[in-house]
Amino acid sequence: MAINLTDQDQLTLRVAAWGAVSLMSAAGAAGSAHKTATEGSIALTSATGPIGHVIAKAPKGIKYGKTVADLADQVLPALTASMTLLKQQDPAEADNFRATVIVALEAAARIHQGQPSPTLTDMARKITEALDAA
C-alpha cells in the first residue's frame, strides 16, 4: 500500500517523533538532557522506510512552549494523530513509526546508569500511551 502524506501530515509526524525525544530529554536527570536528546535523535535519524524519510529532519519553526506541560500538550496529541493517520493509510508504516519512537525512547533512557529515573520512566509511559491511543 502506498502512503500519501500531505505537508501537514509530515509536520505532525515530525512534531510527534522529535517532540517525544524532547519530552524524554526534559524528563531526564540534570546534566544529561543533551545526551538523552542525542541518543533519541540518532534513533530517529536511523529510521527506515517512508517514515524514515519523513522524520529524518526535525520540524522547523515549531515553538513547543516554555514548560514540559506545554510541550506535552502538543506532542502527545500529535503522537496519537500520527498513529491514527498511519493506521488508515498503511498499518505497516504505523507499526514502523511506533517502533521507531519506542527505540528512540529506549535509546534516550539508556544513557542513565542502571535504572532510568521515575520521571523518565513515567514520561516514556505517557508517550507509549499516546501512541497506543489511536
C-alpha atoms as a PDB file:
ATOM      1  CA  MET A   1       0.000   0.000   0.000  1.00  0.00           C
ATOM      2  CA  ALA A   2       1.284   3.460  -0.887  1.00  0.00           C
ATOM      3  CA  ILE A   3       1.479   6.144   1.731  1.00  0.00           C
ATOM      4  CA  ASN A   4       0.311   9.622   0.786  1.00  0.00           C
ATOM      5  CA  LEU A   5       1.206  12.322   3.290  1.00  0.00           C
ATOM      6  CA  THR A   6       0.414  16.000   2.951  1.00  0.00           C
ATOM      7  CA  ASP A   7       2.869  18.618   4.185  1.00  0.00           C
ATOM      8  CA  GLN A   8       0.716  18.985   7.318  1.00  0.00           C
ATOM      9  CA  ASP A   9       0.751  15.193   7.858  1.00  0.00           C
ATOM     10  CA  GLN A  10       4.536  15.179   7.610  1.00  0.00           C
ATOM     11  CA  LEU A  11       4.790  18.052  10.076  1.00  0.00           C
ATOM     12  CA  THR A  12       2.543  16.178  12.526  1.00  0.00           C
ATOM     13  CA  LEU A  13       4.767  13.093  12.268  1.00  0.00           C
ATOM     14  CA  ARG A  14       7.901  15.170  12.831  1.00  0.00           C
ATOM     15  CA  VAL A  15       6.414  17.040  15.785  1.00  0.00           C
ATOM     16  CA  ALA A  16       5.332  13.719  17.288  1.00  0.00           C
ATOM     17  CA  ALA A  17       8.638  11.887  16.870  1.00  0.00           C
ATOM     18  CA  TRP A  18      11.038  14.726  17.659  1.00  0.00           C
ATOM     19  CA  GLY A  19       8.740  16.016  20.385  1.00  0.00           C
ATOM     20  CA  ALA A  20       8.818  12.591  22.062  1.00  0.00           C
ATOM     21  CA  VAL A  21      12.605  12.835  22.218  1.00  0.00           C
ATOM     22  CA  SER A  22      12.308  16.374  23.586  1.00  0.00           C
ATOM     23  CA  LEU A  23       9.916  15.151  26.299  1.00  0.00           C
ATOM     24  CA  MET A  24      12.375  12.430  27.284  1.00  0.00           C
ATOM     25  CA  SER A  25      15.179  14.979  27.354  1.00  0.00           C
ATOM     26  CA  ALA A  26      13.126  17.299  29.554  1.00  0.00           C
ATOM     27  CA  ALA A  27      12.322  14.439  31.935  1.00  0.00           C
ATOM     28  CA  GLY A  28      15.928  13.274  32.188  1.00  0.00           C
ATOM     29  CA  ALA A  29      18.313  13.896  35.040  1.00  0.00           C
ATOM     30  CA  ALA A  30      20.012  17.273  35.282  1.00  0.00           C
ATOM     31  CA  GLY A  31      23.113  17.396  33.130  1.00  0.00           C
ATOM     32  CA  SER A  32      22.010  14.518  30.913  1.00  0.00           C
ATOM     33  CA  ALA A  33      19.435  16.321  28.752  1.00  0.00           C
ATOM     34  CA  HIS A  34      21.908  16.762  25.886  1.00  0.00           C
ATOM     35  CA  LYS A  35      22.962  13.103  25.940  1.00  0.00           C
ATOM     36  CA  THR A  36      19.341  11.990  26.139  1.00  0.00           C
ATOM     37  CA  ALA A  37      18.408  14.160  23.161  1.00  0.00           C
ATOM     38  CA  THR A  38      21.439  12.975  21.188  1.00  0.00           C
ATOM     39  CA  GLU A  39      20.674   9.285  21.677  1.00  0.00           C
ATOM     40  CA  GLY A  40      16.996   9.768  20.832  1.00  0.00           C
ATOM     41  CA  SER A  41      17.871  11.833  17.756  1.00  0.00           C
ATOM     42  CA  ILE A  42      20.244   9.166  16.475  1.00  0.00           C
ATOM     43  CA  ALA A  43      17.420   6.653  16.743  1.00  0.00           C
ATOM     44  CA  LEU A  44      15.064   8.891  14.755  1.00  0.00           C
ATOM     45  CA  THR A  45      17.568   9.616  12.005  1.00  0.00           C
ATOM     46  CA  SER A  46      18.256   5.873  11.741  1.00  0.00           C
ATOM     47  CA  ALA A  47      14.627   5.100  10.831  1.00  0.00           C
ATOM     48  CA  THR A  48      13.949   3.415   7.509  1.00  0.00           C
ATOM     49  CA  GLY A  49      11.096   3.198   5.024  1.00  0.00           C
ATOM     50  CA  PRO A  50       8.725   6.026   4.175  1.00  0.00           C
ATOM     51  CA  ILE A  51       8.587   7.047   7.836  1.00  0.00           C
ATOM     52  CA  GLY A  52      12.372   7.257   7.951  1.00  0.00           C
ATOM     53  CA  HIS A  53      12.322   9.693   5.038  1.00  0.00           C
ATOM     54  CA  VAL A  54       9.740  11.884   6.765  1.00  0.00           C
ATOM     55  CA  ILE A  55      11.268  12.039  10.234  1.00  0.00           C
ATOM     56  CA  ALA A  56      14.883  12.261   9.097  1.00  0.00           C
ATOM     57  CA  LYS A  57      14.650  16.003   9.645  1.00  0.00           C
ATOM     58  CA  ALA A  58      13.461  17.735  12.788  1.00  0.00           C
ATOM     59  CA  PRO A  59      10.489  20.077  12.340  1.00  0.00           C
ATOM     60  CA  LYS A  60      11.470  23.668  11.651  1.00  0.00           C
ATOM     61  CA  GLY A  61       9.924  26.711  13.265  1.00  0.00           C
ATOM     62  CA  ILE A  62       7.978  24.827  15.922  1.00  0.00           C
ATOM     63  CA  LYS A  63       7.504  26.606  19.252  1.00  0.00           C
ATOM     64  CA  TYR A  64       6.947  23.967  21.909  1.00  0.00           C
ATOM     65  CA  GLY A  65       6.273  26.411  24.741  1.00  0.00           C
ATOM     66  CA  LYS A  66       8.116  27.205  27.922  1.00  0.00           C
ATOM     67  CA  THR A  67       7.215  24.227  30.096  1.00  0.00           C
ATOM     68  CA  VAL A  68       7.200  20.462  29.799  1.00  0.00           C
ATOM     69  CA  ALA A  69       3.406  20.660  30.128  1.00  0.00           C
ATOM     70  CA  ASP A  70       3.275  22.954  27.057  1.00  0.00           C
ATOM     71  CA  LEU A  71       5.457  20.514  25.154  1.00  0.00           C
ATOM     72  CA  ALA A  72       3.316  17.544  26.195  1.00  0.00           C
ATOM     73  CA  ASP A  73       0.152  19.406  25.153  1.00  0.00           C
ATOM     74  CA  GLN A  74       1.491  19.480  21.583  1.00  0.00           C
ATOM     75  CA  VAL A  75       3.398  16.223  21.362  1.00  0.00           C
ATOM     76  CA  LEU A  76       1.101  13.674  22.980  1.00  0.00           C
ATOM     77  CA  PRO A  77      -1.882  14.502  20.711  1.00  0.00           C
ATOM     78  CA  ALA A  78       0.476  14.570  17.699  1.00  0.00           C
ATOM     79  CA  LEU A  79       1.613  11.026  18.560  1.00  0.00           C
ATOM     80  CA  THR A  80      -1.976   9.799  18.653  1.00  0.00           C
ATOM     81  CA  ALA A  81      -2.865  11.698  15.455  1.00  0.00           C
ATOM     82  CA  SER A  82       0.187  10.244  13.703  1.00  0.00           C
ATOM     83  CA  MET A  83      -0.784   6.700  14.608  1.00  0.00           C
ATOM     84  CA  THR A  84      -4.402   7.261  13.522  1.00  0.00           C
ATOM     85  CA  LEU A  85      -3.290   8.696  10.187  1.00  0.00           C
ATOM     86  CA  LEU A  86      -0.769   5.952   9.509  1.00  0.00           C
ATOM     87  CA  LYS A  87      -3.125   3.128  10.525  1.00  0.00           C
ATOM     88  CA  GLN A  88      -5.639   4.457   7.974  1.00  0.00           C
ATOM     89  CA  GLN A  89      -3.085   4.658   5.181  1.00  0.00           C
ATOM     90  CA  ASP A  90      -0.631   1.826   5.847  1.00  0.00           C
ATOM     91  CA  PRO A  91      -0.746  -0.265   9.028  1.00  0.00           C
ATOM     92  CA  ALA A  92       2.814  -1.492   8.426  1.00  0.00           C
ATOM     93  CA  GLU A  93       4.073   2.099   8.430  1.00  0.00           C
ATOM     94  CA  ALA A  94       2.082   2.761  11.603  1.00  0.00           C
ATOM     95  CA  ASP A  95       3.965  -0.151  13.175  1.00  0.00           C
ATOM     96  CA  ASN A  96       7.242   1.239  11.803  1.00  0.00           C
ATOM     97  CA  PHE A  97       6.533   4.687  13.271  1.00  0.00           C
ATOM     98  CA  ARG A  98       5.578   3.238  16.664  1.00  0.00           C
ATOM     99  CA  ALA A  99       8.667   1.020  16.745  1.00  0.00           C
ATOM    100  CA  THR A 100      10.899   3.944  15.762  1.00  0.00           C
ATOM    101  CA  VAL A 101       9.548   6.153  18.547  1.00  0.00           C
ATOM    102  CA  ILE A 102       9.877   3.303  21.080  1.00  0.00           C
ATOM    103  CA  VAL A 103      13.503   2.728  20.023  1.00  0.00           C
ATOM    104  CA  ALA A 104      14.135   6.468  20.438  1.00  0.00           C
ATOM    105  CA  LEU A 105      12.636   6.311  23.953  1.00  0.00           C
ATOM    106  CA  GLU A 106      14.770   3.321  24.849  1.00  0.00           C
ATOM    107  CA  ALA A 107      17.887   4.960  23.413  1.00  0.00           C
ATOM    108  CA  ALA A 108      17.166   8.147  25.344  1.00  0.00           C
ATOM    109  CA  ALA A 109      16.666   6.201  28.589  1.00  0.00           C
ATOM    110  CA  ARG A 110      19.765   4.066  28.025  1.00  0.00           C
ATOM    111  CA  ILE A 111      22.215   6.830  28.903  1.00  0.00           C
ATOM    112  CA  HIS A 112      21.293   6.558  32.568  1.00  0.00           C
ATOM    113  CA  GLN A 113      23.393   4.199  34.660  1.00  0.00           C
ATOM    114  CA  GLY A 114      21.255   1.388  35.983  1.00  0.00           C
ATOM    115  CA  GLN A 115      17.557   2.204  36.063  1.00  0.00           C
ATOM    116  CA  PRO A 116      16.106   5.326  34.446  1.00  0.00           C
ATOM    117  CA  SER A 117      14.643   7.815  36.902  1.00  0.00           C
ATOM    118  CA  PRO A 118      10.979   7.525  37.866  1.00  0.00           C
ATOM    119  CA  THR A 119      10.369  10.775  35.965  1.00  0.00           C
ATOM    120  CA  LEU A 120      11.886   9.379  32.789  1.00  0.00           C
ATOM    121  CA  THR A 121      10.004   6.106  33.176  1.00  0.00           C
ATOM    122  CA  ASP A 122       6.732   7.977  33.648  1.00  0.00           C
ATOM    123  CA  MET A 123       7.331  10.129  30.575  1.00  0.00           C
ATOM    124  CA  ALA A 124       8.050   7.029  28.475  1.00  0.00           C
ATOM    125  CA  ARG A 125       4.765   5.555  29.741  1.00  0.00           C
ATOM    126  CA  LYS A 126       2.824   8.703  28.739  1.00  0.00           C
ATOM    127  CA  ILE A 127       4.385   8.680  25.279  1.00  0.00           C
ATOM    128  CA  THR A 128       3.627   4.978  24.792  1.00  0.00           C
ATOM    129  CA  GLU A 129       0.017   5.527  25.916  1.00  0.00           C
ATOM    130  CA  ALA A 130      -0.350   8.338  23.369  1.00  0.00           C
ATOM    131  CA  LEU A 131       0.994   6.057  20.623  1.00  0.00           C
ATOM    132  CA  ASP A 132      -1.426   3.308  21.637  1.00  0.00           C
ATOM    133  CA  ALA A 133      -4.479   5.590  21.993  1.00  0.00           C
ATOM    134  CA  ALA A 134      -5.156   5.531  18.251  1.00  0.00           C
END
